Every structure is written in structure tokens, then in C-alpha cells.
């Protein structure tokens, strides 16, 4: 169970406590945070992050590297991620991922703007 993060902030439920994500929703959040947040920069959990801030996500041969880095972030879980596609358009890269926890799966997209 993880604290729900939306729009770079902790989500509170109506009683003022942190809202939580579990199961496949938790895995999708973990993967999105790992890709979007530079390594060691998230104040709530310094272990989050797949890439150093200077890492070039726009390389032509990035697919396998993304998959390896994301799955490295998920090592101590029962979840894995497969890169389904990488679309490039000018200074935008969209990465489609299939997140699987052995029971459920979900597709998610992460978009980077250069």
C-alpha cells in the first residue's frame, strides 16, 4: 500500500488522512513515479526514480534501457513492466507500458516533453 500521489502532491481523503493506492493501481503509480521523477529527488522517498537527472531519455535506442531501469525499481515487488511502444514526435516522447502483477495488468503511458 502506497500513499496516492496526483499532480505531484499527496492526495488526502475527506477526513484529512492520506489516501492510498493498492494492487495494480499501486504498481502503475510506482512505474510512473520511477520514470517521471529524477533519481533521489523525491522528498517523500529518496529510493524512487529510474534515471539520473542528466539521463538522455530521447536516445533512439531507449526501449530496452527503459524496461530494465523500470524493472530495477520494481525488484522487490511481484510486478514487472514491458515497454509496448515508444512514439517520438519533435520534442515529445510517449512511452506505453504494460504493468503486470501476476494477477492483473494495466496499460499506462508516460509522456516526456523536451
PDB file of N, CA and C in Angstrom:
ATOM      1  N   UNK A   1       0.853  -1.169   0.000  1.00  0.00           N
ATOM      2  CA  UNK A   1       0.000   0.000   0.000  1.00  0.00           C
ATOM      3  C   UNK A   1       0.903   1.238   0.000  1.00  0.00           C
ATOM      4  N   UNK A   2       0.646   2.165  -0.912  1.00  0.00           N
ATOM      5  CA  UNK A   2       1.394   3.415  -1.022  1.00  0.00           C
ATOM      6  C   UNK A   2       0.454   4.599  -0.900  1.00  0.00           C
ATOM      7  N   UNK A   3       0.997   5.726  -0.509  1.00  0.00           N
ATOM      8  CA  UNK A   3       0.249   6.972  -0.488  1.00  0.00           C
ATOM      9  C   UNK A   3      -0.052   7.382  -1.924  1.00  0.00           C
ATOM     10  N   UNK A   4      -1.287   7.787  -2.165  1.00  0.00           N
ATOM     11  CA  UNK A   4      -1.689   8.219  -3.511  1.00  0.00           C
ATOM     12  C   UNK A   4      -1.040   9.586  -3.808  1.00  0.00           C
ATOM     13  N   UNK A   5      -0.389   9.668  -4.982  1.00  0.00           N
ATOM     14  CA  UNK A   5       0.235  10.904  -5.435  1.00  0.00           C
ATOM     15  C   UNK A   5      -0.447  11.316  -6.739  1.00  0.00           C
ATOM     16  N   UNK A   6      -0.927  12.541  -6.795  1.00  0.00           N
ATOM     17  CA  UNK A   6      -1.509  13.091  -8.020  1.00  0.00           C
ATOM     18  C   UNK A   6      -1.059  14.536  -8.161  1.00  0.00           C
ATOM     19  N   UNK A   7      -0.726  14.929  -9.375  1.00  0.00           N
ATOM     20  CA  UNK A   7      -0.269  16.291  -9.642  1.00  0.00           C
ATOM     21  C   UNK A   7       0.875  16.689  -8.709  1.00  0.00           C
ATOM     22  N   UNK A   8       1.793  15.733  -8.489  1.00  0.00           N
ATOM     23  CA  UNK A   8       2.991  15.938  -7.683  1.00  0.00           C
ATOM     24  C   UNK A   8       2.702  16.263  -6.221  1.00  0.00           C
ATOM     25  N   UNK A   9       1.574  15.803  -5.705  1.00  0.00           N
ATOM     26  CA  UNK A   9       1.233  16.071  -4.317  1.00  0.00           C
ATOM     27  C   UNK A   9       0.511  14.862  -3.716  1.00  0.00           C
ATOM     28  N   UNK A  10       0.566  14.749  -2.393  1.00  0.00           N
ATOM     29  CA  UNK A  10      -0.140  13.686  -1.682  1.00  0.00           C
ATOM     30  C   UNK A  10      -1.631  13.992  -1.693  1.00  0.00           C
ATOM     31  N   UNK A  11      -2.434  12.970  -1.980  1.00  0.00           N
ATOM     32  CA  UNK A  11      -3.888  13.122  -2.009  1.00  0.00           C
ATOM     33  C   UNK A  11      -4.437  12.796  -0.623  1.00  0.00           C
ATOM     34  N   UNK A  12      -5.289  13.681  -0.136  1.00  0.00           N
ATOM     35  CA  UNK A  12      -5.942  13.456   1.151  1.00  0.00           C
ATOM     36  C   UNK A  12      -7.379  13.034   0.924  1.00  0.00           C
ATOM     37  N   UNK A  13      -7.865  12.115   1.759  1.00  0.00           N
ATOM     38  CA  UNK A  13      -9.272  11.715   1.664  1.00  0.00           C
ATOM     39  C   UNK A  13     -10.114  12.703   2.472  1.00  0.00           C
ATOM     40  N   UNK A  14     -11.440  12.606   2.462  1.00  0.00           N
ATOM     41  CA  UNK A  14     -12.307  13.597   3.120  1.00  0.00           C
ATOM     42  C   UNK A  14     -12.037  13.814   4.615  1.00  0.00           C
ATOM     43  N   UNK A  15     -11.502  12.813   5.298  1.00  0.00           N
ATOM     44  CA  UNK A  15     -11.221  13.007   6.729  1.00  0.00           C
ATOM     45  C   UNK A  15      -9.841  13.615   6.995  1.00  0.00           C
ATOM     46  N   UNK A  16      -9.116  13.974   5.931  1.00  0.00           N
ATOM     47  CA  UNK A  16      -7.829  14.657   6.069  1.00  0.00           C
ATOM     48  C   UNK A  16      -6.624  13.745   6.144  1.00  0.00           C
ATOM     49  N   UNK A  17      -6.832  12.440   6.098  1.00  0.00           N
ATOM     50  CA  UNK A  17      -5.719  11.491   6.101  1.00  0.00           C
ATOM     51  C   UNK A  17      -5.272  11.194   4.678  1.00  0.00           C
ATOM     52  N   UNK A  18      -4.075  10.664   4.555  1.00  0.00           N
ATOM     53  CA  UNK A  18      -3.564  10.296   3.237  1.00  0.00           C
ATOM     54  C   UNK A  18      -4.436   9.221   2.608  1.00  0.00           C
ATOM     55  N   UNK A  19      -4.698   9.373   1.314  1.00  0.00           N
ATOM     56  CA  UNK A  19      -5.391   8.341   0.553  1.00  0.00           C
ATOM     57  C   UNK A  19      -4.334   7.346   0.084  1.00  0.00           C
ATOM     58  N   UNK A  20      -4.733   6.117  -0.189  1.00  0.00           N
ATOM     59  CA  UNK A  20      -3.772   5.080  -0.554  1.00  0.00           C
ATOM     60  C   UNK A  20      -4.139   4.395  -1.863  1.00  0.00           C
ATOM     61  N   UNK A  21      -3.105   3.851  -2.503  1.00  0.00           N
ATOM     62  CA  UNK A  21      -3.300   3.005  -3.679  1.00  0.00           C
ATOM     63  C   UNK A  21      -2.798   1.609  -3.323  1.00  0.00           C
ATOM     64  N   UNK A  22      -3.415   0.598  -3.913  1.00  0.00           N
ATOM     65  CA  UNK A  22      -3.009  -0.781  -3.669  1.00  0.00           C
ATOM     66  C   UNK A  22      -3.025  -1.557  -4.982  1.00  0.00           C
ATOM     67  N   UNK A  23      -2.477  -2.736  -4.941  1.00  0.00           N
ATOM     68  CA  UNK A  23      -2.526  -3.688  -6.046  1.00  0.00           C
ATOM     69  C   UNK A  23      -1.991  -3.095  -7.342  1.00  0.00           C
ATOM     70  N   UNK A  24      -2.700  -3.286  -8.435  1.00  0.00           N
ATOM     71  CA  UNK A  24      -2.199  -2.863  -9.745  1.00  0.00           C
ATOM     72  C   UNK A  24      -2.124  -1.340  -9.837  1.00  0.00           C
ATOM     73  N   UNK A  25      -3.043  -0.641  -9.181  1.00  0.00           N
ATOM     74  CA  UNK A  25      -3.006   0.824  -9.178  1.00  0.00           C
ATOM     75  C   UNK A  25      -1.720   1.325  -8.506  1.00  0.00           C
ATOM     76  N   UNK A  26      -1.294   0.640  -7.469  1.00  0.00           N
ATOM     77  CA  UNK A  26      -0.048   0.971  -6.788  1.00  0.00           C
ATOM     78  C   UNK A  26       1.137   0.751  -7.725  1.00  0.00           C
ATOM     79  N   UNK A  27       1.118  -0.350  -8.457  1.00  0.00           N
ATOM     80  CA  UNK A  27       2.206  -0.651  -9.386  1.00  0.00           C
ATOM     81  C   UNK A  27       2.298   0.395 -10.489  1.00  0.00           C
ATOM     82  N   UNK A  28       1.158   0.797 -11.036  1.00  0.00           N
ATOM     83  CA  UNK A  28       1.147   1.818 -12.090  1.00  0.00           C
ATOM     84  C   UNK A  28       1.709   3.122 -11.545  1.00  0.00           C
ATOM     85  N   UNK A  29       1.322   3.489 -10.333  1.00  0.00           N
ATOM     86  CA  UNK A  29       1.855   4.718  -9.740  1.00  0.00           C
ATOM     87  C   UNK A  29       3.364   4.613  -9.544  1.00  0.00           C
ATOM     88  N   UNK A  30       3.841   3.477  -9.056  1.00  0.00           N
ATOM     89  CA  UNK A  30       5.275   3.278  -8.861  1.00  0.00           C
ATOM     90  C   UNK A  30       6.053   3.464 -10.155  1.00  0.00           C
ATOM     91  N   UNK A  31       5.561   2.867 -11.226  1.00  0.00           N
ATOM     92  CA  UNK A  31       6.247   2.955 -12.516  1.00  0.00           C
ATOM     93  C   UNK A  31       6.244   4.389 -13.027  1.00  0.00           C
ATOM     94  N   UNK A  32       5.106   5.062 -12.939  1.00  0.00           N
ATOM     95  CA  UNK A  32       5.038   6.449 -13.397  1.00  0.00           C
ATOM     96  C   UNK A  32       5.974   7.346 -12.603  1.00  0.00           C
ATOM     97  N   UNK A  33       6.014   7.171 -11.294  1.00  0.00           N
ATOM     98  CA  UNK A  33       6.919   7.969 -10.473  1.00  0.00           C
ATOM     99  C   UNK A  33       8.376   7.651 -10.799  1.00  0.00           C
ATOM    100  N   UNK A  34       8.681   6.378 -11.003  1.00  0.00           N
ATOM    101  CA  UNK A  34      10.055   5.982 -11.311  1.00  0.00           C
ATOM    102  C   UNK A  34      10.546   6.642 -12.596  1.00  0.00           C
ATOM    103  N   UNK A  35       9.677   6.755 -13.578  1.00  0.00           N
ATOM    104  CA  UNK A  35      10.076   7.354 -14.849  1.00  0.00           C
ATOM    105  C   UNK A  35      10.083   8.875 -14.821  1.00  0.00           C
ATOM    106  N   UNK A  36       9.137   9.482 -14.140  1.00  0.00           N
ATOM    107  CA  UNK A  36       8.976  10.931 -14.202  1.00  0.00           C
ATOM    108  C   UNK A  36       9.845  11.698 -13.210  1.00  0.00           C
ATOM    109  N   UNK A  37      10.203  11.073 -12.102  1.00  0.00           N
ATOM    110  CA  UNK A  37      10.937  11.778 -11.054  1.00  0.00           C
ATOM    111  C   UNK A  37      12.416  11.394 -11.136  1.00  0.00           C
ATOM    112  N   UNK A  38      13.306  12.381 -11.248  1.00  0.00           N
ATOM    113  CA  UNK A  38      14.739  12.050 -11.277  1.00  0.00           C
ATOM    114  C   UNK A  38      15.168  11.296 -10.020  1.00  0.00           C
ATOM    115  N   UNK A  39      16.075  10.366 -10.202  1.00  0.00           N
ATOM    116  CA  UNK A  39      16.566   9.527  -9.110  1.00  0.00           C
ATOM    117  C   UNK A  39      16.990  10.382  -7.911  1.00  0.00           C
ATOM    118  N   UNK A  40      16.534   9.996  -6.733  1.00  0.00           N
ATOM    119  CA  UNK A  40      16.873  10.595  -5.441  1.00  0.00           C
ATOM    120  C   UNK A  40      16.323  12.009  -5.230  1.00  0.00           C
ATOM    121  N   UNK A  41      15.384  12.476  -6.063  1.00  0.00           N
ATOM    122  CA  UNK A  41      14.892  13.845  -5.902  1.00  0.00           C
ATOM    123  C   UNK A  41      13.529  13.932  -5.201  1.00  0.00           C
ATOM    124  N   UNK A  42      12.836  12.803  -5.013  1.00  0.00           N
ATOM    125  CA  UNK A  42      11.508  12.821  -4.404  1.00  0.00           C
ATOM    126  C   UNK A  42      11.662  12.864  -2.888  1.00  0.00           C
ATOM    127  N   UNK A  43      11.221  13.948  -2.254  1.00  0.00           N
ATOM    128  CA  UNK A  43      11.489  14.150  -0.830  1.00  0.00           C
ATOM    129  C   UNK A  43      10.824  13.113   0.065  1.00  0.00           C
ATOM    130  N   UNK A  44       9.704  12.537  -0.361  1.00  0.00           N
ATOM    131  CA  UNK A  44       8.995  11.568   0.474  1.00  0.00           C
ATOM    132  C   UNK A  44       9.641  10.181   0.447  1.00  0.00           C
ATOM    133  N   UNK A  45      10.379   9.873  -0.604  1.00  0.00           N
ATOM    134  CA  UNK A  45      11.039   8.576  -0.712  1.00  0.00           C
ATOM    135  C   UNK A  45      12.210   8.706  -1.674  1.00  0.00           C
ATOM    136  N   UNK A  46      13.420   8.806  -1.142  1.00  0.00           N
ATOM    137  CA  UNK A  46      14.631   9.026  -1.962  1.00  0.00           C
ATOM    138  C   UNK A  46      14.977   7.834  -2.853  1.00  0.00           C
ATOM    139  N   UNK A  47      14.354   6.669  -2.646  1.00  0.00           N
ATOM    140  CA  UNK A  47      14.636   5.498  -3.481  1.00  0.00           C
ATOM    141  C   UNK A  47      13.909   5.545  -4.817  1.00  0.00           C
ATOM    142  N   UNK A  48      12.903   6.414  -4.931  1.00  0.00           N
ATOM    143  CA  UNK A  48      12.125   6.495  -6.165  1.00  0.00           C
ATOM    144  C   UNK A  48      12.959   7.141  -7.261  1.00  0.00           C
ATOM    145  N   UNK A  49      12.779   6.668  -8.469  1.00  0.00           N
ATOM    146  CA  UNK A  49      13.445   7.243  -9.625  1.00  0.00           C
ATOM    147  C   UNK A  49      14.242   6.202 -10.373  1.00  0.00           C
ATOM    148  N   UNK A  50      14.111   6.207 -11.682  1.00  0.00           N
ATOM    149  CA  UNK A  50      14.840   5.249 -12.507  1.00  0.00           C
ATOM    150  C   UNK A  50      16.067   5.879 -13.153  1.00  0.00           C
ATOM    151  N   UNK A  51      16.004   7.174 -13.411  1.00  0.00           N
ATOM    152  CA  UNK A  51      17.057   7.827 -14.170  1.00  0.00           C
ATOM    153  C   UNK A  51      17.637   9.018 -13.416  1.00  0.00           C
ATOM    154  N   UNK A  52      18.949   9.218 -13.573  1.00  0.00           N
ATOM    155  CA  UNK A  52      19.578  10.413 -13.051  1.00  0.00           C
ATOM    156  C   UNK A  52      19.055  11.605 -13.836  1.00  0.00           C
ATOM    157  N   UNK A  53      19.113  12.779 -13.248  1.00  0.00           N
ATOM    158  CA  UNK A  53      18.552  13.969 -13.890  1.00  0.00           C
ATOM    159  C   UNK A  53      19.187  14.254 -15.252  1.00  0.00           C
ATOM    160  N   UNK A  54      20.457  13.912 -15.425  1.00  0.00           N
ATOM    161  CA  UNK A  54      21.154  14.201 -16.690  1.00  0.00           C
ATOM    162  C   UNK A  54      20.947  13.121 -17.756  1.00  0.00           C
ATOM    163  N   UNK A  55      20.188  12.074 -17.455  1.00  0.00           N
ATOM    164  CA  UNK A  55      19.995  10.959 -18.386  1.00  0.00           C
ATOM    165  C   UNK A  55      19.223  11.407 -19.623  1.00  0.00           C
ATOM    166  N   UNK A  56      19.660  10.965 -20.798  1.00  0.00           N
ATOM    167  CA  UNK A  56      19.018  11.344 -22.066  1.00  0.00           C
ATOM    168  C   UNK A  56      17.928  10.342 -22.432  1.00  0.00           C
ATOM    169  N   UNK A  57      16.699  10.634 -22.074  1.00  0.00           N
ATOM    170  CA  UNK A  57      15.552   9.766 -22.346  1.00  0.00           C
ATOM    171  C   UNK A  57      15.191   9.757 -23.832  1.00  0.00           C
ATOM    172  N   UNK A  58      15.730  10.693 -24.612  1.00  0.00           N
ATOM    173  CA  UNK A  58      15.357  10.853 -26.018  1.00  0.00           C
ATOM    174  C   UNK A  58      16.254  10.076 -26.985  1.00  0.00           C
ATOM    175  N   UNK A  59      17.147   9.239 -26.479  1.00  0.00           N
ATOM    176  CA  UNK A  59      18.010   8.432 -27.349  1.00  0.00           C
ATOM    177  C   UNK A  59      17.161   7.526 -28.240  1.00  0.00           C
ATOM    178  N   UNK A  60      17.682   7.195 -29.413  1.00  0.00           N
ATOM    179  CA  UNK A  60      16.952   6.337 -30.345  1.00  0.00           C
ATOM    180  C   UNK A  60      16.791   4.901 -29.843  1.00  0.00           C
ATOM    181  N   UNK A  61      17.737   4.412 -29.080  1.00  0.00           N
ATOM    182  CA  UNK A  61      17.742   3.007 -28.650  1.00  0.00           C
ATOM    183  C   UNK A  61      17.305   2.845 -27.187  1.00  0.00           C
ATOM    184  N   UNK A  62      16.331   3.601 -26.759  1.00  0.00           N
ATOM    185  CA  UNK A  62      15.992   3.717 -25.341  1.00  0.00           C
ATOM    186  C   UNK A  62      15.067   2.611 -24.810  1.00  0.00           C
ATOM    187  N   UNK A  63      14.344   1.900 -25.664  1.00  0.00           N
ATOM    188  CA  UNK A  63      13.295   0.987 -25.212  1.00  0.00           C
ATOM    189  C   UNK A  63      13.766  -0.034 -24.180  1.00  0.00           C
ATOM    190  N   UNK A  64      14.809  -0.787 -24.479  1.00  0.00           N
ATOM    191  CA  UNK A  64      15.284  -1.833 -23.564  1.00  0.00           C
ATOM    192  C   UNK A  64      15.858  -1.231 -22.284  1.00  0.00           C
ATOM    193  N   UNK A  65      16.476  -0.063 -22.405  1.00  0.00           N
ATOM    194  CA  UNK A  65      17.016   0.606 -21.230  1.00  0.00           C
ATOM    195  C   UNK A  65      15.898   1.042 -20.285  1.00  0.00           C
ATOM    196  N   UNK A  66      14.814   1.582 -20.842  1.00  0.00           N
ATOM    197  CA  UNK A  66      13.659   1.981 -20.031  1.00  0.00           C
ATOM    198  C   UNK A  66      13.106   0.761 -19.306  1.00  0.00           C
ATOM    199  N   UNK A  67      12.904  -0.317 -20.043  1.00  0.00           N
ATOM    200  CA  UNK A  67      12.354  -1.534 -19.454  1.00  0.00           C
ATOM    201  C   UNK A  67      13.239  -2.039 -18.311  1.00  0.00           C
ATOM    202  N   UNK A  68      14.553  -2.052 -18.527  1.00  0.00           N
ATOM    203  CA  UNK A  68      15.479  -2.532 -17.495  1.00  0.00           C
ATOM    204  C   UNK A  68      15.465  -1.616 -16.277  1.00  0.00           C
ATOM    205  N   UNK A  69      15.496  -0.314 -16.493  1.00  0.00           N
ATOM    206  CA  UNK A  69      15.520   0.645 -15.378  1.00  0.00           C
ATOM    207  C   UNK A  69      14.220   0.580 -14.571  1.00  0.00           C
ATOM    208  N   UNK A  70      13.082   0.496 -15.249  1.00  0.00           N
ATOM    209  CA  UNK A  70      11.803   0.418 -14.537  1.00  0.00           C
ATOM    210  C   UNK A  70      11.723  -0.875 -13.734  1.00  0.00           C
ATOM    211  N   UNK A  71      12.092  -1.980 -14.333  1.00  0.00           N
ATOM    212  CA  UNK A  71      12.025  -3.257 -13.621  1.00  0.00           C
ATOM    213  C   UNK A  71      13.025  -3.319 -12.472  1.00  0.00           C
ATOM    214  N   UNK A  72      14.129  -2.600 -12.583  1.00  0.00           N
ATOM    215  CA  UNK A  72      15.072  -2.486 -11.470  1.00  0.00           C
ATOM    216  C   UNK A  72      14.396  -1.791 -10.284  1.00  0.00           C
ATOM    217  N   UNK A  73      13.583  -0.775 -10.552  1.00  0.00           N
ATOM    218  CA  UNK A  73      12.849  -0.072  -9.492  1.00  0.00           C
ATOM    219  C   UNK A  73      11.787  -0.962  -8.854  1.00  0.00           C
ATOM    220  N   UNK A  74      11.361  -1.994  -9.566  1.00  0.00           N
ATOM    221  CA  UNK A  74      10.303  -2.891  -9.073  1.00  0.00           C
ATOM    222  C   UNK A  74      10.853  -4.212  -8.535  1.00  0.00           C
ATOM    223  N   UNK A  75      12.163  -4.296  -8.330  1.00  0.00           N
ATOM    224  CA  UNK A  75      12.815  -5.558  -7.960  1.00  0.00           C
ATOM    225  C   UNK A  75      12.195  -6.250  -6.750  1.00  0.00           C
ATOM    226  N   UNK A  76      11.846  -5.530  -5.741  1.00  0.00           N
ATOM    227  CA  UNK A  76      11.343  -6.147  -4.511  1.00  0.00           C
ATOM    228  C   UNK A  76       9.822  -6.258  -4.486  1.00  0.00           C
ATOM    229  N   UNK A  77       9.226  -6.314  -5.658  1.00  0.00           N
ATOM    230  CA  UNK A  77       7.778  -6.454  -5.757  1.00  0.00           C
ATOM    231  C   UNK A  77       7.467  -7.655  -6.646  1.00  0.00           C
ATOM    232  N   UNK A  78       6.189  -7.973  -6.787  1.00  0.00           N
ATOM    233  CA  UNK A  78       5.785  -9.051  -7.697  1.00  0.00           C
ATOM    234  C   UNK A  78       5.299  -8.465  -9.026  1.00  0.00           C
ATOM    235  N   UNK A  79       5.778  -7.274  -9.358  1.00  0.00           N
ATOM    236  CA  UNK A  79       5.310  -6.532 -10.532  1.00  0.00           C
ATOM    237  C   UNK A  79       6.433  -6.429 -11.551  1.00  0.00           C
ATOM    238  N   UNK A  80       6.075  -6.471 -12.811  1.00  0.00           N
ATOM    239  CA  UNK A  80       7.057  -6.178 -13.854  1.00  0.00           C
ATOM    240  C   UNK A  80       6.400  -5.327 -14.932  1.00  0.00           C
ATOM    241  N   UNK A  81       7.236  -4.674 -15.709  1.00  0.00           N
ATOM    242  CA  UNK A  81       6.758  -3.768 -16.753  1.00  0.00           C
ATOM    243  C   UNK A  81       7.396  -4.141 -18.081  1.00  0.00           C
ATOM    244  N   UNK A  82       6.598  -4.085 -19.134  1.00  0.00           N
ATOM    245  CA  UNK A  82       7.084  -4.282 -20.502  1.00  0.00           C
ATOM    246  C   UNK A  82       6.819  -3.010 -21.287  1.00  0.00           C
ATOM    247  N   UNK A  83       7.820  -2.574 -22.048  1.00  0.00           N
ATOM    248  CA  UNK A  83       7.614  -1.435 -22.940  1.00  0.00           C
ATOM    249  C   UNK A  83       6.855  -1.947 -24.155  1.00  0.00           C
ATOM    250  N   UNK A  84       5.678  -1.384 -24.394  1.00  0.00           N
ATOM    251  CA  UNK A  84       4.870  -1.784 -25.544  1.00  0.00           C
ATOM    252  C   UNK A  84       5.191  -0.943 -26.776  1.00  0.00           C
ATOM    253  N   UNK A  85       5.439   0.338 -26.555  1.00  0.00           N
ATOM    254  CA  UNK A  85       5.768   1.219 -27.679  1.00  0.00           C
ATOM    255  C   UNK A  85       6.453   2.475 -27.176  1.00  0.00           C
ATOM    256  N   UNK A  86       7.191   3.085 -28.077  1.00  0.00           N
ATOM    257  CA  UNK A  86       7.787   4.398 -27.842  1.00  0.00           C
ATOM    258  C   UNK A  86       7.494   5.227 -29.083  1.00  0.00           C
ATOM    259  N   UNK A  87       6.743   6.310 -28.908  1.00  0.00           N
ATOM    260  CA  UNK A  87       6.436   7.228 -30.006  1.00  0.00           C
ATOM    261  C   UNK A  87       7.229   8.501 -29.808  1.00  0.00           C
ATOM    262  N   UNK A  88       7.845   8.953 -30.881  1.00  0.00           N
ATOM    263  CA  UNK A  88       8.590  10.211 -30.834  1.00  0.00           C
ATOM    264  C   UNK A  88       7.941  11.188 -31.801  1.00  0.00           C
ATOM    265  N   UNK A  89       7.769  12.415 -31.334  1.00  0.00           N
ATOM    266  CA  UNK A  89       7.245  13.472 -32.184  1.00  0.00           C
ATOM    267  C   UNK A  89       7.899  14.779 -31.745  1.00  0.00           C
ATOM    268  N   UNK A  90       8.744  15.313 -32.580  1.00  0.00           N
ATOM    269  CA  UNK A  90       9.507  16.528 -32.312  1.00  0.00           C
ATOM    270  C   UNK A  90      10.181  16.387 -30.942  1.00  0.00           C
ATOM    271  N   UNK A  91       9.803  17.186 -29.950  1.00  0.00           N
ATOM    272  CA  UNK A  91      10.427  17.120 -28.622  1.00  0.00           C
ATOM    273  C   UNK A  91       9.544  16.415 -27.594  1.00  0.00           C
ATOM    274  N   UNK A  92       8.735  15.470 -28.056  1.00  0.00           N
ATOM    275  CA  UNK A  92       7.854  14.723 -27.153  1.00  0.00           C
ATOM    276  C   UNK A  92       8.106  13.234 -27.376  1.00  0.00           C
ATOM    277  N   UNK A  93       8.199  12.518 -26.271  1.00  0.00           N
ATOM    278  CA  UNK A  93       8.314  11.065 -26.356  1.00  0.00           C
ATOM    279  C   UNK A  93       7.227  10.468 -25.466  1.00  0.00           C
ATOM    280  N   UNK A  94       6.471   9.522 -26.022  1.00  0.00           N
ATOM    281  CA  UNK A  94       5.412   8.836 -25.287  1.00  0.00           C
ATOM    282  C   UNK A  94       5.800   7.373 -25.161  1.00  0.00           C
ATOM    283  N   UNK A  95       5.803   6.893 -23.937  1.00  0.00           N
ATOM    284  CA  UNK A  95       6.175   5.515 -23.666  1.00  0.00           C
ATOM    285  C   UNK A  95       4.945   4.768 -23.177  1.00  0.00           C
ATOM    286  N   UNK A  96       4.573   3.720 -23.881  1.00  0.00           N
ATOM    287  CA  UNK A  96       3.457   2.867 -23.473  1.00  0.00           C
ATOM    288  C   UNK A  96       3.994   1.657 -22.737  1.00  0.00           C
ATOM    289  N   UNK A  97       3.446   1.397 -21.580  1.00  0.00           N
ATOM    290  CA  UNK A  97       3.912   0.295 -20.742  1.00  0.00           C
ATOM    291  C   UNK A  97       2.762  -0.631 -20.362  1.00  0.00           C
ATOM    292  N   UNK A  98       3.060  -1.906 -20.269  1.00  0.00           N
ATOM    293  CA  UNK A  98       2.133  -2.890 -19.738  1.00  0.00           C
ATOM    294  C   UNK A  98       2.661  -3.276 -18.361  1.00  0.00           C
ATOM    295  N   UNK A  99       1.880  -3.000 -17.332  1.00  0.00           N
ATOM    296  CA  UNK A  99       2.250  -3.303 -15.950  1.00  0.00           C
ATOM    297  C   UNK A  99       1.503  -4.561 -15.543  1.00  0.00           C
ATOM    298  N   UNK A 100       2.217  -5.537 -14.995  1.00  0.00           N
ATOM    299  CA  UNK A 100       1.621  -6.828 -14.675  1.00  0.00           C
ATOM    300  C   UNK A 100       2.055  -7.246 -13.280  1.00  0.00           C
ATOM    301  N   UNK A 101       1.093  -7.620 -12.440  1.00  0.00           N
ATOM    302  CA  UNK A 101       1.427  -8.084 -11.088  1.00  0.00           C
ATOM    303  C   UNK A 101       1.195  -9.583 -10.922  1.00  0.00           C
ATOM    304  N   UNK A 102       1.040 -10.289 -12.028  1.00  0.00           N
ATOM    305  CA  UNK A 102       0.812 -11.726 -11.976  1.00  0.00           C
ATOM    306  C   UNK A 102      -0.649 -12.107 -11.915  1.00  0.00           C
ATOM    307  N   UNK A 103      -1.499 -11.170 -11.532  1.00  0.00           N
ATOM    308  CA  UNK A 103      -2.939 -11.410 -11.466  1.00  0.00           C
ATOM    309  C   UNK A 103      -3.663 -10.459 -12.409  1.00  0.00           C
ATOM    310  N   UNK A 104      -3.309  -9.193 -12.301  1.00  0.00           N
ATOM    311  CA  UNK A 104      -3.933  -8.147 -13.118  1.00  0.00           C
ATOM    312  C   UNK A 104      -2.873  -7.471 -13.973  1.00  0.00           C
ATOM    313  N   UNK A 105      -3.334  -6.792 -14.996  1.00  0.00           N
ATOM    314  CA  UNK A 105      -2.416  -5.986 -15.790  1.00  0.00           C
ATOM    315  C   UNK A 105      -3.115  -4.699 -16.175  1.00  0.00           C
ATOM    316  N   UNK A 106      -2.308  -3.690 -16.457  1.00  0.00           N
ATOM    317  CA  UNK A 106      -2.854  -2.404 -16.862  1.00  0.00           C
ATOM    318  C   UNK A 106      -1.872  -1.721 -17.798  1.00  0.00           C
ATOM    319  N   UNK A 107      -2.417  -1.044 -18.786  1.00  0.00           N
ATOM    320  CA  UNK A 107      -1.609  -0.246 -19.702  1.00  0.00           C
ATOM    321  C   UNK A 107      -1.518   1.165 -19.139  1.00  0.00           C
ATOM    322  N   UNK A 108      -0.353   1.750 -19.280  1.00  0.00           N
ATOM    323  CA  UNK A 108      -0.194   3.156 -18.870  1.00  0.00           C
ATOM    324  C   UNK A 108       0.746   3.838 -19.847  1.00  0.00           C
ATOM    325  N   UNK A 109       0.634   5.141 -19.942  1.00  0.00           N
ATOM    326  CA  UNK A 109       1.502   5.942 -20.795  1.00  0.00           C
ATOM    327  C   UNK A 109       2.219   6.977 -19.951  1.00  0.00           C
ATOM    328  N   UNK A 110       3.478   7.195 -20.288  1.00  0.00           N
ATOM    329  CA  UNK A 110       4.252   8.254 -19.659  1.00  0.00           C
ATOM    330  C   UNK A 110       4.729   9.159 -20.785  1.00  0.00           C
ATOM    331  N   UNK A 111       4.511  10.449 -20.640  1.00  0.00           N
ATOM    332  CA  UNK A 111       4.865  11.411 -21.678  1.00  0.00           C
ATOM    333  C   UNK A 111       5.945  12.331 -21.148  1.00  0.00           C
ATOM    334  N   UNK A 112       7.012  12.486 -21.951  1.00  0.00           N
ATOM    335  CA  UNK A 112       8.112  13.391 -21.629  1.00  0.00           C
ATOM    336  C   UNK A 112       8.125  14.504 -22.657  1.00  0.00           C
ATOM    337  N   UNK A 113       8.331  15.725 -22.187  1.00  0.00           N
ATOM    338  CA  UNK A 113       8.415  16.893 -23.066  1.00  0.00           C
ATOM    339  C   UNK A 113       9.829  17.456 -23.009  1.00  0.00           C
ATOM    340  N   UNK A 114      10.467  17.562 -24.192  1.00  0.00           N
ATOM    341  CA  UNK A 114      11.852  18.045 -24.237  1.00  0.00           C
ATOM    342  C   UNK A 114      11.946  19.534 -24.236  1.00  0.00           C
TER     343      UNK A 114
END
